[in-house]
Amino acid sequence: MPAEPNDSASSAIALPTQRVLGVAESVWSGRDAIEDYLDRLNRSSQIASRRIHQWDARDDGAMGLSSVLLLPPDQRRIVQTDRALEFDAFMGEFRGSFGVEVIGGDTAASAAVYMVGLPLAGTVTVTTRHGTCTARAGEGVIVDPSEVVSSRLSAGMHFVEFCVPKVELARLAGLGVDGRPERCPRFALHLQEGLARRLLFMAAQAADVLQAPDIGPGTRMMFQRWCEMIALTLLHEQPVEARALPAPRTEPATPGVKRALDYIHAHADGDIGLADIADAAHLSVSSLLRHFQSQLGMSPYNCLKGVRLERARDELLAADAPAAVRDIALRWGFQNAGKFSQTYRLRFGELPSQTRARRGNTR
């Protein structure tokens, strides 16, 4: 969340934990003042809508916000609206005694970046179109803002977030230089503690460079190098749920690929292999591999695995699901329950046991 100048900010208001950013913090106290700010922010924002979801009636409530902008100091005076800050902030910091829920808005407005969120106190729960993830203090999440459905920050939250341009990741990964979403990987949502700590350090260093009073070409180059380090670290260490896809096709899948897909969906619960799929498609194995890669951007095996994971998820959510996750894993061709759980989490952002528990909570 961006901050705006607030002349009435008081440093005497108690907020959780020590700040990360070395820039001025705007502080609001009391529910009326905080809700007034959120209302104004929501009216000017295309990316998201925010509301209070957890408030301790015994507490007056306080909120602190600060941002490091991508603009040089001599141009920052033109940034006057909440919306402009929302688009131009590289790194932001939020501290609050209450909980906040953020609902995704215009997905097209935020498709150019990934957002890394790092709770330093409290928890954050993010739901995207592909799964749900909860990160505790010291951990983190990485999301494509255009895919976020909602996120919740708990009361007593200290939250730092920063952006990573998709064009930078696409370039470093050798996926082209246009930064189009279909050319970028979809990362697993959850960031482990060690990686989250290193990313926070690198992002804070990059923010320090942006805050330099004498920012110039050399300083901008240093900032660019820090961003490259962040992107390379993510590409090297963070698991990927879905690899980058090829450019969109202008023609439908060939009949052979259609036959292969029909066979995979019809026999996903059976003991089938590459040769079986090729026979059903009336193609040689080499032609099958080539056509799948060029038309779907994946191998037949990865396609089969994806179908099986989806079927396993449907079964976990069913009322009559077997008691043991390993039974479902075996039914859908996963011989190792531990490997199944790991693969499932990378695909859906949660463990099979968490999916099953969520089903129980909705009955």
Protein backbone atom coordinates (compact mmCIF):
# COMPACT_ATOMS: atom_id res chain seq x y z
CA MET A 1 0.00 0.00 0.00
CA PRO A 2 1.42 3.40 -0.87
CA ALA A 3 1.68 6.29 1.52
CA GLU A 4 0.76 9.90 1.00
CA PRO A 5 2.14 12.96 2.82
CA ASN A 6 0.50 13.30 6.20
CA ASP A 7 1.42 16.40 8.18
CA SER A 8 -0.43 15.11 11.24
CA ALA A 9 1.69 11.95 11.52
CA SER A 10 2.96 11.38 15.02
CA SER A 11 6.02 9.27 15.78
CA ALA A 12 4.69 8.74 19.29
CA ILE A 13 2.10 6.23 18.08
CA ALA A 14 3.16 2.70 18.98
CA LEU A 15 3.52 0.33 16.02
CA PRO A 16 4.96 -3.20 15.89
CA THR A 17 8.67 -3.87 15.29
CA GLN A 18 11.46 -1.76 13.87
CA ARG A 19 11.15 -0.18 10.43
CA VAL A 20 13.15 -1.31 7.39
CA LEU A 21 12.95 1.68 5.04
CA GLY A 22 14.88 4.84 5.77
CA VAL A 23 12.22 7.19 4.38
CA ALA A 24 9.55 9.28 6.06
CA GLU A 25 6.62 7.27 7.37
CA SER A 26 3.03 8.55 7.26
CA VAL A 27 1.07 7.51 10.35
CA TRP A 28 -2.67 7.43 10.98
CA SER A 29 -4.33 6.94 14.37
CA GLY A 30 -7.93 6.00 15.09
CA ARG A 31 -10.43 4.02 13.04
CA ASP A 32 -12.15 7.02 11.45
CA ALA A 33 -8.89 8.43 10.08
CA ILE A 34 -7.73 5.04 8.84
CA GLU A 35 -11.02 4.17 7.14
CA ASP A 36 -11.11 7.62 5.52
CA TYR A 37 -7.66 7.00 4.03
CA LEU A 38 -8.60 3.52 2.79
CA ASP A 39 -11.78 4.91 1.20
CA ARG A 40 -9.82 7.58 -0.68
CA LEU A 41 -7.22 5.04 -1.74
CA ASN A 42 -9.88 2.64 -3.02
CA ARG A 43 -11.56 5.38 -5.06
CA SER A 44 -8.31 6.25 -6.82
CA SER A 45 -6.99 2.69 -7.22
CA GLN A 46 -7.41 0.31 -10.13
CA ILE A 47 -5.22 -2.47 -8.75
CA ALA A 48 -7.01 -3.40 -5.54
CA SER A 49 -9.61 -2.54 -2.91
CA ARG A 50 -8.73 -2.57 0.80
CA ARG A 51 -10.83 -2.89 3.93
CA ILE A 52 -10.36 -3.53 7.64
CA HIS A 53 -11.19 -7.13 8.53
CA GLN A 54 -9.86 -7.49 12.10
CA TRP A 55 -10.01 -4.73 14.70
CA ASP A 56 -9.47 -4.89 18.45
CA ALA A 57 -12.17 -2.75 20.04
CA ARG A 58 -9.87 -2.15 23.02
CA ASP A 59 -7.27 -0.50 20.76
CA ASP A 60 -7.49 2.95 19.16
CA GLY A 61 -5.68 1.52 16.13
CA ALA A 62 -2.68 2.82 14.23
CA MET A 63 -1.21 2.44 10.77
CA GLY A 64 2.14 3.44 9.29
CA LEU A 65 2.95 3.51 5.58
CA SER A 66 6.06 4.40 3.63
CA SER A 67 7.27 3.93 0.05
CA VAL A 68 10.46 4.15 -1.99
CA LEU A 69 9.64 5.49 -5.42
CA LEU A 70 11.23 4.61 -8.74
CA LEU A 71 11.35 8.30 -9.67
CA PRO A 72 14.44 10.43 -8.93
CA PRO A 73 14.09 13.03 -6.13
CA ASP A 74 13.74 16.02 -8.47
CA GLN A 75 10.69 14.45 -10.13
CA ARG A 76 8.92 13.14 -7.04
CA ARG A 77 7.00 16.37 -6.58
CA ILE A 78 4.82 15.45 -9.58
CA VAL A 79 3.60 12.32 -7.81
CA GLN A 80 0.63 13.65 -5.89
CA THR A 81 -2.05 10.98 -6.00
CA ASP A 82 -2.39 7.63 -4.29
CA ARG A 83 -2.82 6.02 -7.70
CA ALA A 84 0.49 7.42 -9.00
CA LEU A 85 2.30 6.18 -5.91
CA GLU A 86 0.71 2.78 -6.38
CA PHE A 87 2.20 2.47 -9.85
CA ASP A 88 5.57 4.07 -9.17
CA ALA A 89 6.65 2.49 -5.87
CA PHE A 90 9.51 0.01 -5.94
CA MET A 91 9.25 -0.93 -2.27
CA GLY A 92 6.66 -0.27 0.42
CA GLU A 93 6.34 -0.90 4.15
CA PHE A 94 3.15 -1.28 6.16
CA ARG A 95 2.75 -1.49 9.93
CA GLY A 96 -0.67 -1.82 11.51
CA SER A 97 -2.34 -2.83 14.74
CA PHE A 98 -5.37 -4.17 12.81
CA GLY A 99 -5.94 -6.68 10.00
CA VAL A 100 -6.46 -5.71 6.36
CA GLU A 101 -8.11 -7.57 3.48
CA VAL A 102 -7.11 -6.66 -0.08
CA ILE A 103 -9.34 -7.68 -2.99
CA GLY A 104 -7.82 -7.81 -6.47
CA GLY A 105 -9.07 -5.26 -8.97
CA ASP A 106 -8.08 -4.45 -12.56
CA THR A 107 -5.77 -7.34 -13.44
CA ALA A 108 -4.47 -5.67 -16.59
CA ALA A 109 -3.17 -2.71 -14.58
CA SER A 110 -0.61 -4.81 -12.69
CA ALA A 111 0.54 -7.43 -15.19
CA ALA A 112 4.05 -6.04 -15.69
CA VAL A 113 5.58 -7.07 -12.35
CA TYR A 114 5.80 -9.76 -9.73
CA MET A 115 5.24 -8.67 -6.15
CA VAL A 116 7.28 -10.14 -3.30
CA GLY A 117 5.58 -9.83 0.10
CA LEU A 118 7.54 -10.37 3.31
CA PRO A 119 5.75 -10.36 6.69
CA LEU A 120 8.15 -9.37 9.48
CA ALA A 121 5.39 -9.72 12.07
CA GLY A 122 2.00 -11.37 11.79
CA THR A 123 0.92 -13.44 8.79
CA VAL A 124 -0.23 -12.87 5.21
CA THR A 125 -2.58 -15.22 3.34
CA VAL A 126 -2.76 -14.84 -0.43
CA THR A 127 -5.27 -16.51 -2.74
CA THR A 128 -4.58 -16.54 -6.48
CA ARG A 129 -6.31 -18.26 -9.36
CA HIS A 130 -3.92 -21.17 -8.82
CA GLY A 131 -3.97 -21.71 -5.05
CA THR A 132 -3.71 -20.28 -1.54
CA CYS A 133 -0.60 -19.68 0.55
CA THR A 134 -0.02 -18.44 4.12
CA ALA A 135 3.34 -16.94 5.04
CA ARG A 136 4.36 -16.33 8.64
CA ALA A 137 6.84 -13.84 10.02
CA GLY A 138 10.22 -14.42 8.40
CA GLU A 139 8.75 -16.20 5.35
CA GLY A 140 7.28 -14.66 2.21
CA VAL A 141 5.14 -14.91 -0.91
CA ILE A 142 5.75 -14.10 -4.56
CA VAL A 143 2.69 -13.39 -6.69
CA ASP A 144 1.66 -12.10 -10.07
CA PRO A 145 -0.68 -9.25 -9.07
CA SER A 146 -2.82 -9.89 -12.14
CA GLU A 147 -3.66 -13.36 -10.74
CA VAL A 148 -4.39 -12.37 -7.12
CA VAL A 149 -7.96 -12.87 -5.95
CA SER A 150 -7.46 -11.63 -2.39
CA SER A 151 -4.93 -11.32 0.41
CA ARG A 152 -5.25 -10.90 4.16
CA LEU A 153 -2.79 -9.28 6.54
CA SER A 154 -3.30 -10.19 10.18
CA ALA A 155 -3.56 -7.74 13.07
CA GLY A 156 -0.20 -6.64 14.43
CA MET A 157 1.22 -6.84 10.91
CA HIS A 158 4.58 -5.51 9.76
CA PHE A 159 4.73 -6.13 6.02
CA VAL A 160 7.30 -5.22 3.38
CA GLU A 161 6.67 -5.63 -0.34
CA PHE A 162 8.63 -4.83 -3.48
CA CYS A 163 8.21 -5.35 -7.20
CA VAL A 164 10.31 -7.33 -9.69
CA PRO A 165 9.71 -6.35 -13.35
CA LYS A 166 8.68 -9.32 -15.49
CA VAL A 167 10.71 -8.00 -18.39
CA GLU A 168 13.84 -8.36 -16.25
CA LEU A 169 13.08 -11.96 -15.33
CA ALA A 170 12.16 -12.84 -18.91
CA ARG A 171 15.41 -11.36 -20.20
CA LEU A 172 17.62 -13.11 -17.65
CA ALA A 173 15.82 -16.41 -18.20
CA GLY A 174 16.33 -16.14 -21.96
CA LEU A 175 12.58 -15.89 -22.58
CA GLY A 176 12.58 -12.74 -24.67
CA VAL A 177 12.64 -9.07 -23.81
CA ASP A 178 8.97 -8.08 -24.08
CA GLY A 179 8.01 -9.20 -20.58
CA ARG A 180 4.68 -10.59 -21.74
CA PRO A 181 3.00 -12.68 -19.01
CA GLU A 182 2.88 -15.80 -21.18
CA ARG A 183 6.67 -15.69 -21.47
CA CYS A 184 7.32 -15.55 -17.72
CA PRO A 185 7.41 -18.42 -15.23
CA ARG A 186 4.73 -18.81 -12.57
CA PHE A 187 6.59 -19.24 -9.31
CA ALA A 188 5.46 -21.33 -6.36
CA LEU A 189 3.71 -18.90 -4.02
CA HIS A 190 5.56 -19.64 -0.79
CA LEU A 191 9.05 -18.28 -0.06
CA GLN A 192 11.06 -20.22 2.51
CA GLU A 193 12.61 -18.31 5.40
CA GLY A 194 16.22 -18.31 4.17
CA LEU A 195 15.32 -17.08 0.69
CA ALA A 196 12.89 -14.49 2.10
CA ARG A 197 15.64 -13.10 4.34
CA ARG A 198 18.09 -12.76 1.43
CA LEU A 199 15.50 -11.12 -0.80
CA LEU A 200 14.67 -8.60 1.91
CA PHE A 201 18.36 -7.70 2.25
CA MET A 202 18.81 -7.28 -1.51
CA ALA A 203 15.62 -5.25 -1.92
CA ALA A 204 16.54 -2.98 1.00
CA GLN A 205 19.95 -2.37 -0.57
CA ALA A 206 18.30 -1.52 -3.89
CA ALA A 207 15.91 0.84 -2.09
CA ASP A 208 18.87 2.55 -0.39
CA VAL A 209 20.38 3.21 -3.82
CA LEU A 210 17.13 4.80 -5.02
CA GLN A 211 17.04 7.04 -1.95
CA ALA A 212 20.50 8.51 -2.62
CA PRO A 213 20.23 12.31 -2.84
CA ASP A 214 22.60 12.51 -5.84
CA ILE A 215 20.89 9.87 -7.95
CA GLY A 216 22.23 9.88 -11.50
CA PRO A 217 23.15 7.47 -14.33
CA GLY A 218 25.67 5.61 -12.16
CA THR A 219 23.22 5.23 -9.30
CA ARG A 220 20.51 4.02 -11.66
CA MET A 221 22.93 1.43 -13.01
CA MET A 222 23.63 0.23 -9.46
CA PHE A 223 19.89 -0.10 -8.86
CA GLN A 224 19.58 -2.10 -12.07
CA ARG A 225 22.30 -4.49 -10.90
CA TRP A 226 20.53 -5.03 -7.57
CA CYS A 227 17.31 -5.83 -9.47
CA GLU A 228 19.23 -8.33 -11.60
CA MET A 229 20.57 -10.01 -8.47
CA ILE A 230 17.05 -10.31 -7.07
CA ALA A 231 15.73 -11.75 -10.34
CA LEU A 232 18.60 -14.23 -10.71
CA THR A 233 18.18 -15.39 -7.12
CA LEU A 234 14.48 -16.08 -7.72
CA LEU A 235 15.18 -17.91 -10.98
CA HIS A 236 17.87 -20.03 -9.32
CA GLU A 237 16.22 -20.82 -5.97
CA GLN A 238 12.43 -20.48 -6.17
CA PRO A 239 10.47 -23.50 -7.52
CA VAL A 240 8.36 -22.88 -10.60
CA GLU A 241 4.76 -24.12 -10.85
CA ALA A 242 4.49 -23.61 -14.60
CA ARG A 243 7.30 -23.01 -17.06
CA ALA A 244 7.15 -20.16 -19.52
CA LEU A 245 4.77 -20.83 -22.38
CA PRO A 246 5.49 -20.19 -26.03
CA ALA A 247 3.94 -17.26 -27.86
CA PRO A 248 0.19 -17.76 -28.42
CA ARG A 249 -0.67 -19.97 -31.39
CA THR A 250 -2.64 -18.56 -34.28
CA GLU A 251 -3.85 -22.04 -35.39
CA PRO A 252 -5.69 -24.76 -33.44
CA ALA A 253 -3.90 -27.88 -32.25
CA THR A 254 -3.31 -30.46 -34.96
CA PRO A 255 -5.53 -33.56 -35.09
CA GLY A 256 -2.70 -35.73 -33.74
CA VAL A 257 -2.28 -33.56 -30.64
CA LYS A 258 -6.06 -33.49 -30.13
CA ARG A 259 -6.15 -37.30 -30.24
CA ALA A 260 -3.28 -37.45 -27.75
CA LEU A 261 -5.06 -35.06 -25.37
CA ASP A 262 -8.30 -37.02 -25.61
CA TYR A 263 -6.40 -40.21 -24.80
CA ILE A 264 -4.59 -38.64 -21.83
CA HIS A 265 -7.85 -37.36 -20.31
CA ALA A 266 -9.63 -40.68 -20.87
CA HIS A 267 -6.82 -42.89 -19.49
CA ALA A 268 -5.20 -40.66 -16.83
CA ASP A 269 -6.02 -43.24 -14.17
CA GLY A 270 -4.31 -46.05 -16.09
CA ASP A 271 -0.73 -47.24 -16.49
CA ILE A 272 0.04 -45.46 -19.76
CA GLY A 273 3.33 -44.36 -21.23
CA LEU A 274 4.71 -42.25 -24.03
CA ALA A 275 4.37 -45.04 -26.61
CA ASP A 276 0.70 -45.53 -25.72
CA ILE A 277 -0.03 -41.83 -26.21
CA ALA A 278 1.87 -41.77 -29.50
CA ASP A 279 -0.07 -44.81 -30.78
CA ALA A 280 -3.38 -43.17 -29.88
CA ALA A 281 -2.30 -39.98 -31.68
CA HIS A 282 -1.18 -41.94 -34.79
CA LEU A 283 2.25 -40.32 -34.47
CA SER A 284 5.79 -41.48 -33.86
CA VAL A 285 7.18 -40.77 -30.39
CA SER A 286 9.58 -38.15 -31.77
CA SER A 287 6.78 -36.40 -33.69
CA LEU A 288 4.56 -36.47 -30.61
CA LEU A 289 7.26 -34.84 -28.49
CA ARG A 290 7.94 -32.20 -31.14
CA HIS A 291 4.26 -31.33 -31.65
CA PHE A 292 3.52 -31.11 -27.90
CA GLN A 293 6.48 -28.81 -27.33
CA SER A 294 5.70 -26.52 -30.26
CA GLN A 295 1.92 -26.38 -29.72
CA LEU A 296 1.48 -26.73 -25.96
CA GLY A 297 4.87 -25.73 -24.58
CA MET A 298 5.21 -28.94 -22.54
CA SER A 299 5.94 -32.64 -22.90
CA PRO A 300 3.20 -35.32 -23.03
CA TYR A 301 4.42 -36.58 -19.65
CA ASN A 302 4.04 -33.15 -18.01
CA CYS A 303 0.59 -32.84 -19.57
CA LEU A 304 -0.38 -36.24 -18.13
CA LYS A 305 1.02 -35.30 -14.74
CA GLY A 306 -0.99 -32.07 -14.74
CA VAL A 307 -4.21 -33.91 -15.55
CA ARG A 308 -3.53 -36.42 -12.79
CA LEU A 309 -2.85 -33.65 -10.27
CA GLU A 310 -6.14 -31.97 -11.19
CA ARG A 311 -8.01 -35.27 -10.78
CA ALA A 312 -6.31 -35.87 -7.42
CA ARG A 313 -7.35 -32.40 -6.28
CA ASP A 314 -10.96 -33.06 -7.31
CA GLU A 315 -10.88 -36.28 -5.30
CA LEU A 316 -9.40 -34.57 -2.24
CA LEU A 317 -12.25 -32.08 -2.34
CA ALA A 318 -14.90 -34.79 -2.74
CA ALA A 319 -16.98 -35.76 0.29
CA ASP A 320 -16.16 -39.47 -0.06
CA ALA A 321 -12.37 -39.07 -0.49
CA PRO A 322 -10.21 -41.87 0.97
CA ALA A 323 -8.83 -41.21 4.43
CA ALA A 324 -5.16 -41.36 3.39
CA VAL A 325 -3.49 -38.99 0.94
CA ARG A 326 -1.22 -41.83 -0.18
CA ASP A 327 -4.27 -43.76 -1.44
CA ILE A 328 -5.20 -40.88 -3.72
CA ALA A 329 -1.58 -40.47 -4.81
CA LEU A 330 -1.37 -44.16 -5.80
CA ARG A 331 -4.72 -44.01 -7.60
CA TRP A 332 -3.36 -41.25 -9.86
CA GLY A 333 0.00 -42.78 -10.63
CA PHE A 334 2.21 -41.25 -7.90
CA GLN A 335 4.11 -44.07 -6.21
CA ASN A 336 5.82 -41.86 -3.61
CA ALA A 337 3.43 -39.97 -1.32
CA GLY A 338 6.14 -37.51 -0.27
CA LYS A 339 7.01 -36.65 -3.87
CA PHE A 340 3.31 -36.35 -4.66
CA SER A 341 2.84 -33.84 -1.83
CA GLN A 342 5.81 -31.79 -3.01
CA THR A 343 4.61 -31.75 -6.63
CA TYR A 344 1.05 -30.96 -5.52
CA ARG A 345 2.21 -28.00 -3.45
CA LEU A 346 4.20 -26.58 -6.35
CA ARG A 347 1.11 -26.81 -8.56
CA PHE A 348 -1.59 -25.56 -6.18
CA GLY A 349 0.27 -23.62 -3.48
CA GLU A 350 -0.85 -25.90 -0.63
CA LEU A 351 -0.34 -29.46 0.58
CA PRO A 352 -2.87 -32.23 -0.20
CA SER A 353 -3.72 -32.42 3.50
CA GLN A 354 -4.54 -28.69 3.48
CA THR A 355 -6.87 -29.14 0.52
CA ARG A 356 -8.65 -31.97 2.31
CA ALA A 357 -8.93 -29.92 5.52
CA ARG A 358 -10.41 -27.02 3.57
CA ARG A 359 -13.06 -29.38 2.17
CA GLY A 360 -13.98 -30.37 5.71
CA ASN A 361 -14.38 -26.73 6.72
CA THR A 362 -16.88 -26.08 3.94
CA ARG A 363 -19.24 -28.97 4.66
